[in-house]
Amino acid sequence: MNVDYFFINEAEDKISGPKIESNQKIKKTFSVEEIRALIEEPDVLLFVNKHDNLLEPIFKEELLGKWDKEFVSNINTNDYGSVDDYENGYFYYIDVWKMGKKAKIVVFSLQH
């Protein structure tokens, strides 16, 4: 069985994995509206980081289907946060990498 792995290489601050080209982290805090717009872009790769920087791909349709219930009210747009501040006991930090001219990588890092 062939399993593909995607991960954040912390030493280089880059995303690594199959078919992931050279990329650079965008050092910016995004608003919830900007994050939603990024998700809807045609050339975007979406991942959830649940543990140890190992990334799980998530399809755009799946993420948008869960947007109102699981994501929008649990996104932390600050550089700090506490799970106690969130009703569900978890939140996501959002990081974005630029890959090539148009493509972007959006990572939802789960904190619980």
Protein backbone atom coordinates (compact mmCIF):
# COMPACT_ATOMS: atom_id res chain seq x y z
CA MET A 1 0.00 0.00 0.00
CA ASN A 2 1.38 3.38 -1.02
CA VAL A 3 0.64 6.13 1.51
CA ASP A 4 1.51 9.75 0.86
CA TYR A 5 2.63 11.93 3.75
CA PHE A 6 2.53 15.70 3.98
CA PHE A 7 4.17 17.59 6.82
CA ILE A 8 5.45 20.95 7.97
CA ASN A 9 9.22 20.99 7.93
CA GLU A 10 9.79 23.30 10.89
CA ALA A 11 13.52 23.67 10.26
CA GLU A 12 12.82 25.21 6.84
CA ASP A 13 9.29 26.51 7.58
CA LYS A 14 8.02 24.79 4.44
CA ILE A 15 5.43 22.18 3.50
CA SER A 16 6.85 18.87 2.25
CA GLY A 17 5.11 16.02 0.50
CA PRO A 18 4.35 14.47 -2.88
CA LYS A 19 3.77 16.98 -5.67
CA ILE A 20 4.46 19.88 -3.29
CA GLU A 21 6.71 22.33 -5.06
CA SER A 22 8.92 25.01 -3.57
CA ASN A 23 6.86 27.07 -1.14
CA GLN A 24 7.19 29.99 1.22
CA LYS A 25 5.15 30.79 4.30
CA ILE A 26 3.16 34.01 4.13
CA LYS A 27 3.87 35.91 7.34
CA LYS A 28 0.47 37.48 7.83
CA THR A 29 -2.56 37.10 10.05
CA PHE A 30 -5.66 36.41 7.99
CA SER A 31 -9.20 37.40 8.89
CA VAL A 32 -11.98 34.80 8.77
CA GLU A 33 -13.27 36.44 5.57
CA GLU A 34 -9.81 36.23 3.95
CA ILE A 35 -9.51 32.58 4.97
CA ARG A 36 -12.89 31.78 3.40
CA ALA A 37 -11.80 33.54 0.19
CA LEU A 38 -8.55 31.54 0.13
CA ILE A 39 -10.47 28.28 0.48
CA GLU A 40 -12.58 29.16 -2.54
CA GLU A 41 -9.60 29.94 -4.79
CA PRO A 42 -9.13 27.44 -7.64
CA ASP A 43 -5.45 26.65 -6.97
CA VAL A 44 -5.48 25.89 -3.25
CA LEU A 45 -4.37 22.83 -1.29
CA LEU A 46 -6.07 22.39 2.08
CA PHE A 47 -4.73 20.49 5.08
CA VAL A 48 -5.57 19.90 8.72
CA ASN A 49 -2.65 19.60 11.14
CA LYS A 50 -3.92 17.53 14.07
CA HIS A 51 -0.66 16.29 15.58
CA ASP A 52 3.11 16.67 15.20
CA ASN A 53 2.92 18.70 11.98
CA LEU A 54 1.63 15.68 10.04
CA LEU A 55 -0.87 17.11 7.59
CA GLU A 56 -4.12 15.46 6.53
CA PRO A 57 -5.49 16.64 3.18
CA ILE A 58 -9.07 17.86 3.25
CA PHE A 59 -11.19 18.40 0.15
CA LYS A 60 -12.58 21.88 -0.45
CA GLU A 61 -16.16 20.53 -0.58
CA GLU A 62 -15.72 18.73 2.75
CA LEU A 63 -14.26 21.80 4.45
CA LEU A 64 -16.96 24.10 3.10
CA GLY A 65 -19.62 21.57 4.18
CA LYS A 66 -18.26 21.72 7.74
CA TRP A 67 -17.43 25.45 7.63
CA ASP A 68 -20.38 26.77 9.65
CA LYS A 69 -20.44 23.93 12.23
CA GLU A 70 -16.79 23.13 12.85
CA PHE A 71 -14.56 25.81 11.45
CA VAL A 72 -15.80 29.41 11.31
CA SER A 73 -16.47 29.82 15.05
CA ASN A 74 -13.29 27.95 15.98
CA ILE A 75 -10.72 29.92 13.99
CA ASN A 76 -8.20 31.91 16.01
CA THR A 77 -6.95 34.92 14.10
CA ASN A 78 -4.57 35.95 16.89
CA ASP A 79 -1.01 34.80 17.55
CA TYR A 80 -2.10 33.32 20.88
CA GLY A 81 -5.15 31.56 22.22
CA SER A 82 -6.65 29.28 24.83
CA VAL A 83 -9.04 26.39 24.22
CA ASP A 84 -10.98 27.68 27.23
CA ASP A 85 -12.04 30.66 25.09
CA TYR A 86 -13.87 28.36 22.66
CA GLU A 87 -17.20 26.70 23.37
CA ASN A 88 -16.16 23.42 21.69
CA GLY A 89 -12.84 23.22 23.57
CA TYR A 90 -10.70 23.49 20.42
CA PHE A 91 -9.61 26.02 17.83
CA TYR A 92 -7.55 26.29 14.66
CA TYR A 93 -4.58 28.48 13.88
CA ILE A 94 -4.36 29.23 10.16
CA ASP A 95 -1.12 29.34 8.21
CA VAL A 96 -0.74 29.94 4.48
CA TRP A 97 2.10 29.12 2.12
CA LYS A 98 2.55 30.40 -1.43
CA MET A 99 3.61 27.78 -3.98
CA GLY A 100 4.51 28.95 -7.48
CA LYS A 101 2.77 31.94 -9.03
CA LYS A 102 -0.84 31.22 -8.05
CA ALA A 103 -1.14 28.13 -5.87
CA LYS A 104 -1.54 28.41 -2.12
CA ILE A 105 -1.45 25.92 0.73
CA VAL A 106 -3.78 26.58 3.66
CA VAL A 107 -3.19 24.68 6.91
CA PHE A 108 -5.71 24.52 9.76
CA SER A 109 -3.65 23.59 12.86
CA LEU A 110 -5.89 22.07 15.52
CA GLN A 111 -5.33 23.10 19.14
CA HIS A 112 -7.18 21.12 21.80
